[in-house]
Amino acid sequence: MLQQPGPGDLGRFRCAMPQSDCTVITRQGHNGLGYRVLRVSDHSTSSFFFAEFYVKDLETGATNPKGKPRILKETAATAWVDGGDGLGATVGNFCMDLAIKKAKESGIGWVAAKGSNHFGMAGWWAQRAEKSGYIGMAFTNSSPLLVPTRSKDGALGTNPIAMAAPASGGDSILVDMSSSAVAMGKVEVKIHEGKPLPPGWAMGPDGKMTHDPQVAFDSGRLYPLGGVEETSGYKGYCLSAMNEVFCSSLSGKSPATLGRDKTWRASKPRPGVRCHRPWLLRAWLRRTPG
């Protein structure tokens, strides 16, 4: 289990990151990007909890430190990208830059990528579009931690959905949410706080709701957004399924069920699935009025 970083630990993470992720990114021409994405999302669950995760994936070869994104096919407004199993932040940056470029030229830009990894907070990428004057959306699939309604095993990911749009007077709107009731990082927080889980967050290995955060973490089973069926959990299940179509189906990459297994923090790549945790980006940008 990853230890919760304390005030001093964050300093050590900052020292460690440039020697691992950021050194790799520098070789690819994206100096410090992985660290910045983590730093910005430190208030959320896509934070320094993943620093050790990133480093281990680099050490085991699950993430290719020399992987470079390349365009497989494109039109004036769309593109299909292979991330080369590189760092998610590198692939995400490449894809969003490409989508913005296409939107500037065609009014809209769609980019789907395969062969990527964890790319931090989805809202970071949507905001990049917003800061360029566009409506931006970012999607990604993830490990099969979400248990569909009326099921006992995970089949889909927490699959976040993010949207950002500029407004008048320098204002803006940002929506960034998982399609599961919570992200697994919030379960980790409860472990370190020594507090029970609220109803509708997670299941134990028996497929029944649990309030024990350690049991939930070890089980790797999260309820969809909305919780149980009686509280409309099937809506979160459908949002996650929609996200899966946007990501794995359109990019030609493996679905969530072939990603990390239930031992999601320690699992090794399965045969035919090179990445520990294949993350896929799809971005939609459209010009705003004026």
C-alpha atoms as a PDB file:
ATOM      1  CA  MET A   1       0.000   0.000   0.000  1.00  0.00           C
ATOM      2  CA  LEU A   2       1.346   3.422  -0.896  1.00  0.00           C
ATOM      3  CA  GLN A   3       2.077   5.574   2.140  1.00  0.00           C
ATOM      4  CA  GLN A   4       0.323   8.904   2.399  1.00  0.00           C
ATOM      5  CA  PRO A   5       2.838  11.713   1.836  1.00  0.00           C
ATOM      6  CA  GLY A   6       3.245  14.123   4.714  1.00  0.00           C
ATOM      7  CA  PRO A   7       4.477  17.747   4.546  1.00  0.00           C
ATOM      8  CA  GLY A   8       8.102  16.614   4.276  1.00  0.00           C
ATOM      9  CA  ASP A   9       7.311  13.801   1.864  1.00  0.00           C
ATOM     10  CA  LEU A  10       5.963  16.185  -0.773  1.00  0.00           C
ATOM     11  CA  GLY A  11       9.359  17.833  -0.820  1.00  0.00           C
ATOM     12  CA  ARG A  12      10.981  14.466  -1.424  1.00  0.00           C
ATOM     13  CA  PHE A  13       8.506  13.743  -4.211  1.00  0.00           C
ATOM     14  CA  ARG A  14       9.455  17.038  -5.792  1.00  0.00           C
ATOM     15  CA  CYS A  15      13.100  16.040  -5.593  1.00  0.00           C
ATOM     16  CA  ALA A  16      12.403  12.577  -6.951  1.00  0.00           C
ATOM     17  CA  MET A  17      10.172  13.558  -9.838  1.00  0.00           C
ATOM     18  CA  PRO A  18      12.780  15.536 -11.823  1.00  0.00           C
ATOM     19  CA  GLN A  19      15.110  12.535 -11.511  1.00  0.00           C
ATOM     20  CA  SER A  20      12.531  10.130 -12.921  1.00  0.00           C
ATOM     21  CA  ASP A  21       9.476  11.342 -14.817  1.00  0.00           C
ATOM     22  CA  CYS A  22      10.757  14.800 -15.629  1.00  0.00           C
ATOM     23  CA  THR A  23      14.144  13.553 -16.801  1.00  0.00           C
ATOM     24  CA  VAL A  24      12.362  11.230 -19.185  1.00  0.00           C
ATOM     25  CA  ILE A  25      10.064  13.989 -20.365  1.00  0.00           C
ATOM     26  CA  THR A  26      13.010  16.303 -20.958  1.00  0.00           C
ATOM     27  CA  ARG A  27      14.400  13.764 -23.425  1.00  0.00           C
ATOM     28  CA  GLN A  28      11.097  13.936 -25.239  1.00  0.00           C
ATOM     29  CA  GLY A  29      10.983  17.715 -25.295  1.00  0.00           C
ATOM     30  CA  HIS A  30       8.303  18.184 -22.627  1.00  0.00           C
ATOM     31  CA  ASN A  31      10.422  19.303 -19.688  1.00  0.00           C
ATOM     32  CA  GLY A  32       8.693  18.849 -16.355  1.00  0.00           C
ATOM     33  CA  LEU A  33       5.204  18.256 -17.773  1.00  0.00           C
ATOM     34  CA  GLY A  34       4.470  15.073 -15.833  1.00  0.00           C
ATOM     35  CA  TYR A  35       5.378  16.773 -12.569  1.00  0.00           C
ATOM     36  CA  ARG A  36       3.274  19.848 -13.364  1.00  0.00           C
ATOM     37  CA  VAL A  37       0.203  17.734 -14.097  1.00  0.00           C
ATOM     38  CA  LEU A  38       0.615  15.969 -10.753  1.00  0.00           C
ATOM     39  CA  ARG A  39       1.252  19.207  -8.918  1.00  0.00           C
ATOM     40  CA  VAL A  40      -1.853  20.891 -10.321  1.00  0.00           C
ATOM     41  CA  SER A  41      -3.997  17.889  -9.421  1.00  0.00           C
ATOM     42  CA  ASP A  42      -2.604  17.566  -5.909  1.00  0.00           C
ATOM     43  CA  HIS A  43      -5.926  18.803  -4.501  1.00  0.00           C
ATOM     44  CA  SER A  44      -7.681  15.881  -6.161  1.00  0.00           C
ATOM     45  CA  THR A  45      -7.074  12.129  -6.145  1.00  0.00           C
ATOM     46  CA  SER A  46      -4.889  12.279  -9.293  1.00  0.00           C
ATOM     47  CA  SER A  47      -2.048  13.568  -7.169  1.00  0.00           C
ATOM     48  CA  PHE A  48       1.243  12.527  -5.600  1.00  0.00           C
ATOM     49  CA  PHE A  49      -0.351   9.226  -4.652  1.00  0.00           C
ATOM     50  CA  PHE A  50       0.583   8.308  -8.233  1.00  0.00           C
ATOM     51  CA  ALA A  51       4.221   9.405  -8.084  1.00  0.00           C
ATOM     52  CA  GLU A  52       5.427   5.998  -6.914  1.00  0.00           C
ATOM     53  CA  PHE A  53       3.049   4.406  -9.418  1.00  0.00           C
ATOM     54  CA  TYR A  54       4.684   6.320 -12.290  1.00  0.00           C
ATOM     55  CA  VAL A  55       8.208   5.490 -11.226  1.00  0.00           C
ATOM     56  CA  LYS A  56       7.452   1.765 -10.860  1.00  0.00           C
ATOM     57  CA  ASP A  57       5.897   1.641 -14.320  1.00  0.00           C
ATOM     58  CA  LEU A  58       9.047   3.201 -15.751  1.00  0.00           C
ATOM     59  CA  GLU A  59      11.279   0.779 -13.859  1.00  0.00           C
ATOM     60  CA  THR A  60       9.320  -2.310 -14.947  1.00  0.00           C
ATOM     61  CA  GLY A  61       9.051  -1.210 -18.572  1.00  0.00           C
ATOM     62  CA  ALA A  62       5.274  -0.899 -18.465  1.00  0.00           C
ATOM     63  CA  THR A  63       5.811   2.715 -19.524  1.00  0.00           C
ATOM     64  CA  ASN A  64       8.295   3.277 -22.324  1.00  0.00           C
ATOM     65  CA  PRO A  65      10.547   6.202 -21.299  1.00  0.00           C
ATOM     66  CA  LYS A  66      11.463   6.767 -24.944  1.00  0.00           C
ATOM     67  CA  GLY A  67       7.953   6.356 -26.313  1.00  0.00           C
ATOM     68  CA  LYS A  68       6.987   9.155 -28.681  1.00  0.00           C
ATOM     69  CA  PRO A  69       3.460   9.853 -29.953  1.00  0.00           C
ATOM     70  CA  ARG A  70       2.944   9.566 -33.695  1.00  0.00           C
ATOM     71  CA  ILE A  71      -0.011  10.193 -35.964  1.00  0.00           C
ATOM     72  CA  LEU A  72      -1.326   7.018 -37.566  1.00  0.00           C
ATOM     73  CA  LYS A  73      -4.051   8.655 -39.634  1.00  0.00           C
ATOM     74  CA  GLU A  74      -5.595  12.095 -39.880  1.00  0.00           C
ATOM     75  CA  THR A  75      -8.031  14.348 -41.698  1.00  0.00           C
ATOM     76  CA  ALA A  76      -8.431  18.119 -41.498  1.00  0.00           C
ATOM     77  CA  ALA A  77     -10.415  17.828 -38.256  1.00  0.00           C
ATOM     78  CA  THR A  78      -9.534  14.404 -36.832  1.00  0.00           C
ATOM     79  CA  ALA A  79      -6.503  12.334 -35.906  1.00  0.00           C
ATOM     80  CA  TRP A  80      -5.641   8.856 -34.650  1.00  0.00           C
ATOM     81  CA  VAL A  81      -2.503   8.748 -32.499  1.00  0.00           C
ATOM     82  CA  ASP A  82      -0.297   5.966 -31.154  1.00  0.00           C
ATOM     83  CA  GLY A  83       1.308   7.104 -27.910  1.00  0.00           C
ATOM     84  CA  GLY A  84       4.030   4.466 -28.067  1.00  0.00           C
ATOM     85  CA  ASP A  85       3.273   3.420 -24.463  1.00  0.00           C
ATOM     86  CA  GLY A  86       4.879   6.676 -23.336  1.00  0.00           C
ATOM     87  CA  LEU A  87       4.084   8.823 -20.328  1.00  0.00           C
ATOM     88  CA  GLY A  88       0.448   9.899 -20.301  1.00  0.00           C
ATOM     89  CA  ALA A  89       1.366  13.551 -19.851  1.00  0.00           C
ATOM     90  CA  THR A  90       3.548  13.458 -22.970  1.00  0.00           C
ATOM     91  CA  VAL A  91       0.830  11.772 -25.028  1.00  0.00           C
ATOM     92  CA  GLY A  92      -1.864  14.077 -23.654  1.00  0.00           C
ATOM     93  CA  ASN A  93       0.172  17.171 -24.486  1.00  0.00           C
ATOM     94  CA  PHE A  94       0.794  15.969 -28.034  1.00  0.00           C
ATOM     95  CA  CYS A  95      -2.888  15.171 -28.576  1.00  0.00           C
ATOM     96  CA  MET A  96      -4.267  18.394 -27.146  1.00  0.00           C
ATOM     97  CA  ASP A  97      -1.797  20.486 -29.147  1.00  0.00           C
ATOM     98  CA  LEU A  98      -2.902  18.617 -32.254  1.00  0.00           C
ATOM     99  CA  ALA A  99      -6.603  19.034 -31.468  1.00  0.00           C
ATOM    100  CA  ILE A 100      -6.186  22.771 -30.873  1.00  0.00           C
ATOM    101  CA  LYS A 101      -4.267  23.139 -34.135  1.00  0.00           C
ATOM    102  CA  LYS A 102      -7.022  21.356 -36.055  1.00  0.00           C
ATOM    103  CA  ALA A 103      -9.736  23.394 -34.361  1.00  0.00           C
ATOM    104  CA  LYS A 104      -7.995  26.608 -35.349  1.00  0.00           C
ATOM    105  CA  GLU A 105      -7.888  25.456 -38.953  1.00  0.00           C
ATOM    106  CA  SER A 106     -11.210  23.604 -39.258  1.00  0.00           C
ATOM    107  CA  GLY A 107     -13.384  24.866 -36.410  1.00  0.00           C
ATOM    108  CA  ILE A 108     -13.353  21.507 -34.660  1.00  0.00           C
ATOM    109  CA  GLY A 109     -10.726  18.949 -33.677  1.00  0.00           C
ATOM    110  CA  TRP A 110     -11.140  15.318 -32.609  1.00  0.00           C
ATOM    111  CA  VAL A 111      -8.143  13.267 -31.506  1.00  0.00           C
ATOM    112  CA  ALA A 112      -8.176   9.653 -30.269  1.00  0.00           C
ATOM    113  CA  ALA A 113      -5.031   8.031 -28.865  1.00  0.00           C
ATOM    114  CA  LYS A 114      -3.983   4.511 -27.954  1.00  0.00           C
ATOM    115  CA  GLY A 115      -0.837   3.275 -26.220  1.00  0.00           C
ATOM    116  CA  SER A 116      -0.866   5.874 -23.451  1.00  0.00           C
ATOM    117  CA  ASN A 117      -0.696   5.810 -19.646  1.00  0.00           C
ATOM    118  CA  HIS A 118      -2.093   7.707 -16.665  1.00  0.00           C
ATOM    119  CA  PHE A 119      -2.263  11.369 -17.665  1.00  0.00           C
ATOM    120  CA  GLY A 120      -3.260  13.004 -14.386  1.00  0.00           C
ATOM    121  CA  MET A 121      -6.341  15.144 -13.917  1.00  0.00           C
ATOM    122  CA  ALA A 122      -8.595  15.080 -16.998  1.00  0.00           C
ATOM    123  CA  GLY A 123      -9.632  18.675 -16.358  1.00  0.00           C
ATOM    124  CA  TRP A 124      -6.040  19.819 -16.909  1.00  0.00           C
ATOM    125  CA  TRP A 125      -6.344  18.936 -20.600  1.00  0.00           C
ATOM    126  CA  ALA A 126      -9.807  20.444 -21.009  1.00  0.00           C
ATOM    127  CA  GLN A 127      -8.513  23.658 -19.432  1.00  0.00           C
ATOM    128  CA  ARG A 128      -5.673  23.799 -21.935  1.00  0.00           C
ATOM    129  CA  ALA A 129      -8.304  24.107 -24.655  1.00  0.00           C
ATOM    130  CA  GLU A 130     -10.308  26.662 -22.665  1.00  0.00           C
ATOM    131  CA  LYS A 131      -7.251  28.864 -22.190  1.00  0.00           C
ATOM    132  CA  SER A 132      -6.865  28.871 -25.973  1.00  0.00           C
ATOM    133  CA  GLY A 133     -10.432  30.146 -26.391  1.00  0.00           C
ATOM    134  CA  TYR A 134     -12.148  26.827 -27.129  1.00  0.00           C
ATOM    135  CA  ILE A 135     -14.658  24.510 -25.537  1.00  0.00           C
ATOM    136  CA  GLY A 136     -12.566  21.502 -24.605  1.00  0.00           C
ATOM    137  CA  MET A 137     -13.468  17.971 -23.571  1.00  0.00           C
ATOM    138  CA  ALA A 138     -11.158  15.188 -22.421  1.00  0.00           C
ATOM    139  CA  PHE A 139     -11.959  11.529 -21.770  1.00  0.00           C
ATOM    140  CA  THR A 140      -9.902   8.545 -20.717  1.00  0.00           C
ATOM    141  CA  ASN A 141     -10.546   4.942 -19.787  1.00  0.00           C
ATOM    142  CA  SER A 142      -8.790   3.213 -16.907  1.00  0.00           C
ATOM    143  CA  SER A 143      -8.401   0.026 -14.870  1.00  0.00           C
ATOM    144  CA  PRO A 144     -11.560  -2.112 -14.424  1.00  0.00           C
ATOM    145  CA  LEU A 145     -12.462  -0.936 -10.919  1.00  0.00           C
ATOM    146  CA  LEU A 146     -16.071   0.087 -11.591  1.00  0.00           C
ATOM    147  CA  VAL A 147     -18.639  -2.647 -10.976  1.00  0.00           C
ATOM    148  CA  PRO A 148     -21.611  -2.387 -13.357  1.00  0.00           C
ATOM    149  CA  THR A 149     -25.103  -2.351 -11.878  1.00  0.00           C
ATOM    150  CA  ARG A 150     -26.277  -5.879 -10.920  1.00  0.00           C
ATOM    151  CA  SER A 151     -22.738  -7.227 -11.139  1.00  0.00           C
ATOM    152  CA  LYS A 152     -20.106  -8.264  -8.584  1.00  0.00           C
ATOM    153  CA  ASP A 153     -16.893  -7.716 -10.548  1.00  0.00           C
ATOM    154  CA  GLY A 154     -15.297  -4.673 -12.104  1.00  0.00           C
ATOM    155  CA  ALA A 155     -15.622  -4.355 -15.867  1.00  0.00           C
ATOM    156  CA  LEU A 156     -15.112  -0.642 -16.558  1.00  0.00           C
ATOM    157  CA  GLY A 157     -12.866   2.109 -15.273  1.00  0.00           C
ATOM    158  CA  THR A 158     -13.518   5.203 -13.211  1.00  0.00           C
ATOM    159  CA  ASN A 159     -13.436   6.781 -16.692  1.00  0.00           C
ATOM    160  CA  PRO A 160     -13.447  10.543 -16.019  1.00  0.00           C
ATOM    161  CA  ILE A 161     -15.247  13.115 -18.122  1.00  0.00           C
ATOM    162  CA  ALA A 162     -13.959  16.686 -18.291  1.00  0.00           C
ATOM    163  CA  MET A 163     -15.239  19.813 -20.015  1.00  0.00           C
ATOM    164  CA  ALA A 164     -13.971  23.386 -19.872  1.00  0.00           C
ATOM    165  CA  ALA A 165     -15.327  26.471 -21.631  1.00  0.00           C
ATOM    166  CA  PRO A 166     -14.378  30.157 -21.599  1.00  0.00           C
ATOM    167  CA  ALA A 167     -16.906  32.818 -20.600  1.00  0.00           C
ATOM    168  CA  SER A 168     -17.130  36.604 -20.721  1.00  0.00           C
ATOM    169  CA  GLY A 169     -15.142  38.784 -18.380  1.00  0.00           C
ATOM    170  CA  GLY A 170     -12.330  36.272 -18.099  1.00  0.00           C
ATOM    171  CA  ASP A 171     -14.575  33.749 -16.374  1.00  0.00           C
ATOM    172  CA  SER A 172     -14.786  30.070 -17.270  1.00  0.00           C
ATOM    173  CA  ILE A 173     -16.517  26.819 -16.362  1.00  0.00           C
ATOM    174  CA  LEU A 174     -14.812  23.511 -15.599  1.00  0.00           C
ATOM    175  CA  VAL A 175     -16.452  20.124 -15.095  1.00  0.00           C
ATOM    176  CA  ASP A 176     -14.183  17.217 -14.121  1.00  0.00           C
ATOM    177  CA  MET A 177     -15.746  14.075 -12.665  1.00  0.00           C
ATOM    178  CA  SER A 178     -15.285  10.344 -12.566  1.00  0.00           C
ATOM    179  CA  SER A 179     -18.084   8.046 -13.692  1.00  0.00           C
ATOM    180  CA  SER A 180     -17.593   5.991 -10.524  1.00  0.00           C
ATOM    181  CA  ALA A 181     -19.008   7.071  -7.163  1.00  0.00           C
ATOM    182  CA  VAL A 182     -15.469   8.069  -6.157  1.00  0.00           C
ATOM    183  CA  ALA A 183     -11.935   7.581  -7.399  1.00  0.00           C
ATOM    184  CA  MET A 184      -9.795   4.980  -5.627  1.00  0.00           C
ATOM    185  CA  GLY A 185      -7.602   7.775  -4.299  1.00  0.00           C
ATOM    186  CA  LYS A 186     -10.462   8.896  -2.046  1.00  0.00           C
ATOM    187  CA  VAL A 187     -10.617   5.401  -0.592  1.00  0.00           C
ATOM    188  CA  GLU A 188      -6.885   5.701   0.156  1.00  0.00           C
ATOM    189  CA  VAL A 189      -7.525   8.983   1.938  1.00  0.00           C
ATOM    190  CA  LYS A 190     -10.082   7.269   4.202  1.00  0.00           C
ATOM    191  CA  ILE A 191      -7.512   4.566   5.020  1.00  0.00           C
ATOM    192  CA  HIS A 192      -5.023   7.153   6.208  1.00  0.00           C
ATOM    193  CA  GLU A 193      -7.694   9.119   8.072  1.00  0.00           C
ATOM    194  CA  GLY A 194      -8.916   5.948   9.783  1.00  0.00           C
ATOM    195  CA  LYS A 195     -12.498   6.733   8.816  1.00  0.00           C
ATOM    196  CA  PRO A 196     -15.210   4.429   7.385  1.00  0.00           C
ATOM    197  CA  LEU A 197     -16.486   4.755   3.841  1.00  0.00           C
ATOM    198  CA  PRO A 198     -19.880   6.380   3.257  1.00  0.00           C
ATOM    199  CA  PRO A 199     -22.629   4.186   1.769  1.00  0.00           C
ATOM    200  CA  GLY A 200     -22.463   3.544  -1.970  1.00  0.00           C
ATOM    201  CA  TRP A 201     -18.713   3.937  -2.440  1.00  0.00           C
ATOM    202  CA  ALA A 202     -17.308   0.439  -2.705  1.00  0.00           C
ATOM    203  CA  MET A 203     -17.813  -3.334  -2.531  1.00  0.00           C
ATOM    204  CA  GLY A 204     -15.884  -6.065  -0.786  1.00  0.00           C
ATOM    205  CA  PRO A 205     -14.713  -9.285  -2.461  1.00  0.00           C
ATOM    206  CA  ASP A 206     -18.123 -10.831  -1.719  1.00  0.00           C
ATOM    207  CA  GLY A 207     -19.825  -8.254  -3.963  1.00  0.00           C
ATOM    208  CA  LYS A 208     -21.549  -6.574  -1.017  1.00  0.00           C
ATOM    209  CA  MET A 209     -21.207  -2.976   0.078  1.00  0.00           C
ATOM    210  CA  THR A 210     -18.349  -2.347   2.473  1.00  0.00           C
ATOM    211  CA  HIS A 211     -17.555   0.567   4.762  1.00  0.00           C
ATOM    212  CA  ASP A 212     -14.009  -0.638   5.448  1.00  0.00           C
ATOM    213  CA  PRO A 213     -11.624   1.387   3.248  1.00  0.00           C
ATOM    214  CA  GLN A 214      -8.835  -1.197   3.414  1.00  0.00           C
ATOM    215  CA  VAL A 215     -11.199  -3.971   2.319  1.00  0.00           C
ATOM    216  CA  ALA A 216     -12.419  -1.729  -0.512  1.00  0.00           C
ATOM    217  CA  PHE A 217      -8.878  -0.901  -1.604  1.00  0.00           C
ATOM    218  CA  ASP A 218      -7.771  -4.528  -1.580  1.00  0.00           C
ATOM    219  CA  SER A 219     -10.949  -5.639  -3.366  1.00  0.00           C
ATOM    220  CA  GLY A 220     -10.693  -3.004  -6.106  1.00  0.00           C
ATOM    221  CA  ARG A 221     -14.453  -2.717  -6.583  1.00  0.00           C
ATOM    222  CA  LEU A 222     -16.118   0.701  -6.830  1.00  0.00           C
ATOM    223  CA  TYR A 223     -19.766   1.540  -7.309  1.00  0.00           C
ATOM    224  CA  PRO A 224     -20.693   3.635 -10.354  1.00  0.00           C
ATOM    225  CA  LEU A 225     -21.675   7.277  -9.923  1.00  0.00           C
ATOM    226  CA  GLY A 226     -25.005   7.210  -8.113  1.00  0.00           C
ATOM    227  CA  GLY A 227     -24.155   4.144  -6.034  1.00  0.00           C
ATOM    228  CA  VAL A 228     -26.571   1.232  -5.935  1.00  0.00           C
ATOM    229  CA  GLU A 229     -29.367   0.636  -8.444  1.00  0.00           C
ATOM    230  CA  GLU A 230     -32.014   2.206  -6.182  1.00  0.00           C
ATOM    231  CA  THR A 231     -30.101   5.497  -6.206  1.00  0.00           C
ATOM    232  CA  SER A 232     -29.566   5.505  -9.983  1.00  0.00           C
ATOM    233  CA  GLY A 233     -26.124   3.922 -10.072  1.00  0.00           C
ATOM    234  CA  TYR A 234     -26.913   2.623 -13.546  1.00  0.00           C
ATOM    235  CA  LYS A 235     -26.513   6.176 -14.840  1.00  0.00           C
ATOM    236  CA  GLY A 236     -22.874   6.244 -13.789  1.00  0.00           C
ATOM    237  CA  TYR A 237     -22.447   2.788 -15.318  1.00  0.00           C
ATOM    238  CA  CYS A 238     -23.776   4.115 -18.631  1.00  0.00           C
ATOM    239  CA  LEU A 239     -21.506   7.169 -18.507  1.00  0.00           C
ATOM    240  CA  SER A 240     -18.512   4.909 -17.982  1.00  0.00           C
ATOM    241  CA  ALA A 241     -19.586   2.673 -20.876  1.00  0.00           C
ATOM    242  CA  MET A 242     -20.003   5.721 -23.125  1.00  0.00           C
ATOM    243  CA  ASN A 243     -16.501   6.875 -22.177  1.00  0.00           C
ATOM    244  CA  GLU A 244     -15.125   3.400 -22.968  1.00  0.00           C
ATOM    245  CA  VAL A 245     -16.574   3.610 -26.491  1.00  0.00           C
ATOM    246  CA  PHE A 246     -15.032   7.062 -27.002  1.00  0.00           C
ATOM    247  CA  CYS A 247     -11.636   5.832 -25.863  1.00  0.00           C
ATOM    248  CA  SER A 248     -10.859   2.173 -26.518  1.00  0.00           C
ATOM    249  CA  SER A 249     -13.289   1.520 -29.383  1.00  0.00           C
ATOM    250  CA  LEU A 250     -12.427   4.581 -31.428  1.00  0.00           C
ATOM    251  CA  SER A 251      -8.696   4.335 -30.808  1.00  0.00           C
ATOM    252  CA  GLY A 252      -8.409   0.604 -31.486  1.00  0.00           C
ATOM    253  CA  LYS A 253      -6.820  -0.091 -28.100  1.00  0.00           C
ATOM    254  CA  SER A 254      -7.658  -2.731 -25.486  1.00  0.00           C
ATOM    255  CA  PRO A 255     -10.794  -2.206 -23.356  1.00  0.00           C
ATOM    256  CA  ALA A 256     -10.624  -1.678 -19.602  1.00  0.00           C
ATOM    257  CA  THR A 257     -11.108  -5.380 -18.909  1.00  0.00           C
ATOM    258  CA  LEU A 258      -7.659  -6.048 -20.420  1.00  0.00           C
ATOM    259  CA  GLY A 259      -5.928  -3.358 -18.398  1.00  0.00           C
ATOM    260  CA  ARG A 260      -4.665  -3.745 -14.839  1.00  0.00           C
ATOM    261  CA  ASP A 261      -6.359  -6.482 -12.880  1.00  0.00           C
ATOM    262  CA  LYS A 262      -7.739  -6.286  -9.350  1.00  0.00           C
ATOM    263  CA  THR A 263      -4.247  -5.949  -7.882  1.00  0.00           C
ATOM    264  CA  TRP A 264      -4.159  -2.711  -9.819  1.00  0.00           C
ATOM    265  CA  ARG A 265      -1.283  -1.131  -7.919  1.00  0.00           C
ATOM    266  CA  ALA A 266       1.047  -4.105  -8.297  1.00  0.00           C
ATOM    267  CA  SER A 267      -0.146  -5.955 -11.381  1.00  0.00           C
ATOM    268  CA  LYS A 268       2.090  -6.808 -14.319  1.00  0.00           C
ATOM    269  CA  PRO A 269       1.118  -6.423 -17.973  1.00  0.00           C
ATOM    270  CA  ARG A 270      -1.005  -9.257 -19.322  1.00  0.00           C
ATOM    271  CA  PRO A 271      -0.011 -11.048 -22.542  1.00  0.00           C
ATOM    272  CA  GLY A 272      -0.849  -8.845 -25.501  1.00  0.00           C
ATOM    273  CA  VAL A 273      -1.305  -5.757 -23.331  1.00  0.00           C
ATOM    274  CA  ARG A 274       1.966  -3.892 -23.114  1.00  0.00           C
ATOM    275  CA  CYS A 275       0.885  -1.067 -20.825  1.00  0.00           C
ATOM    276  CA  HIS A 276       0.133  -1.548 -17.170  1.00  0.00           C
ATOM    277  CA  ARG A 277      -2.631   0.883 -17.425  1.00  0.00           C
ATOM    278  CA  PRO A 278      -3.530   1.968 -20.959  1.00  0.00           C
ATOM    279  CA  TRP A 279      -4.919   5.475 -20.890  1.00  0.00           C
ATOM    280  CA  LEU A 280      -6.562   6.937 -23.967  1.00  0.00           C
ATOM    281  CA  LEU A 281      -7.338  10.529 -24.751  1.00  0.00           C
ATOM    282  CA  ARG A 282     -10.114  11.939 -26.839  1.00  0.00           C
ATOM    283  CA  ALA A 283     -10.518  15.676 -27.135  1.00  0.00           C
ATOM    284  CA  TRP A 284     -13.289  17.750 -28.710  1.00  0.00           C
ATOM    285  CA  LEU A 285     -12.813  21.432 -29.359  1.00  0.00           C
ATOM    286  CA  ARG A 286     -15.169  23.931 -30.954  1.00  0.00           C
ATOM    287  CA  ARG A 287     -14.818  27.639 -31.458  1.00  0.00           C
ATOM    288  CA  THR A 288     -16.776  29.792 -29.032  1.00  0.00           C
ATOM    289  CA  PRO A 289     -18.876  32.737 -30.260  1.00  0.00           C
ATOM    290  CA  GLY A 290     -16.881  35.883 -30.950  1.00  0.00           C
END
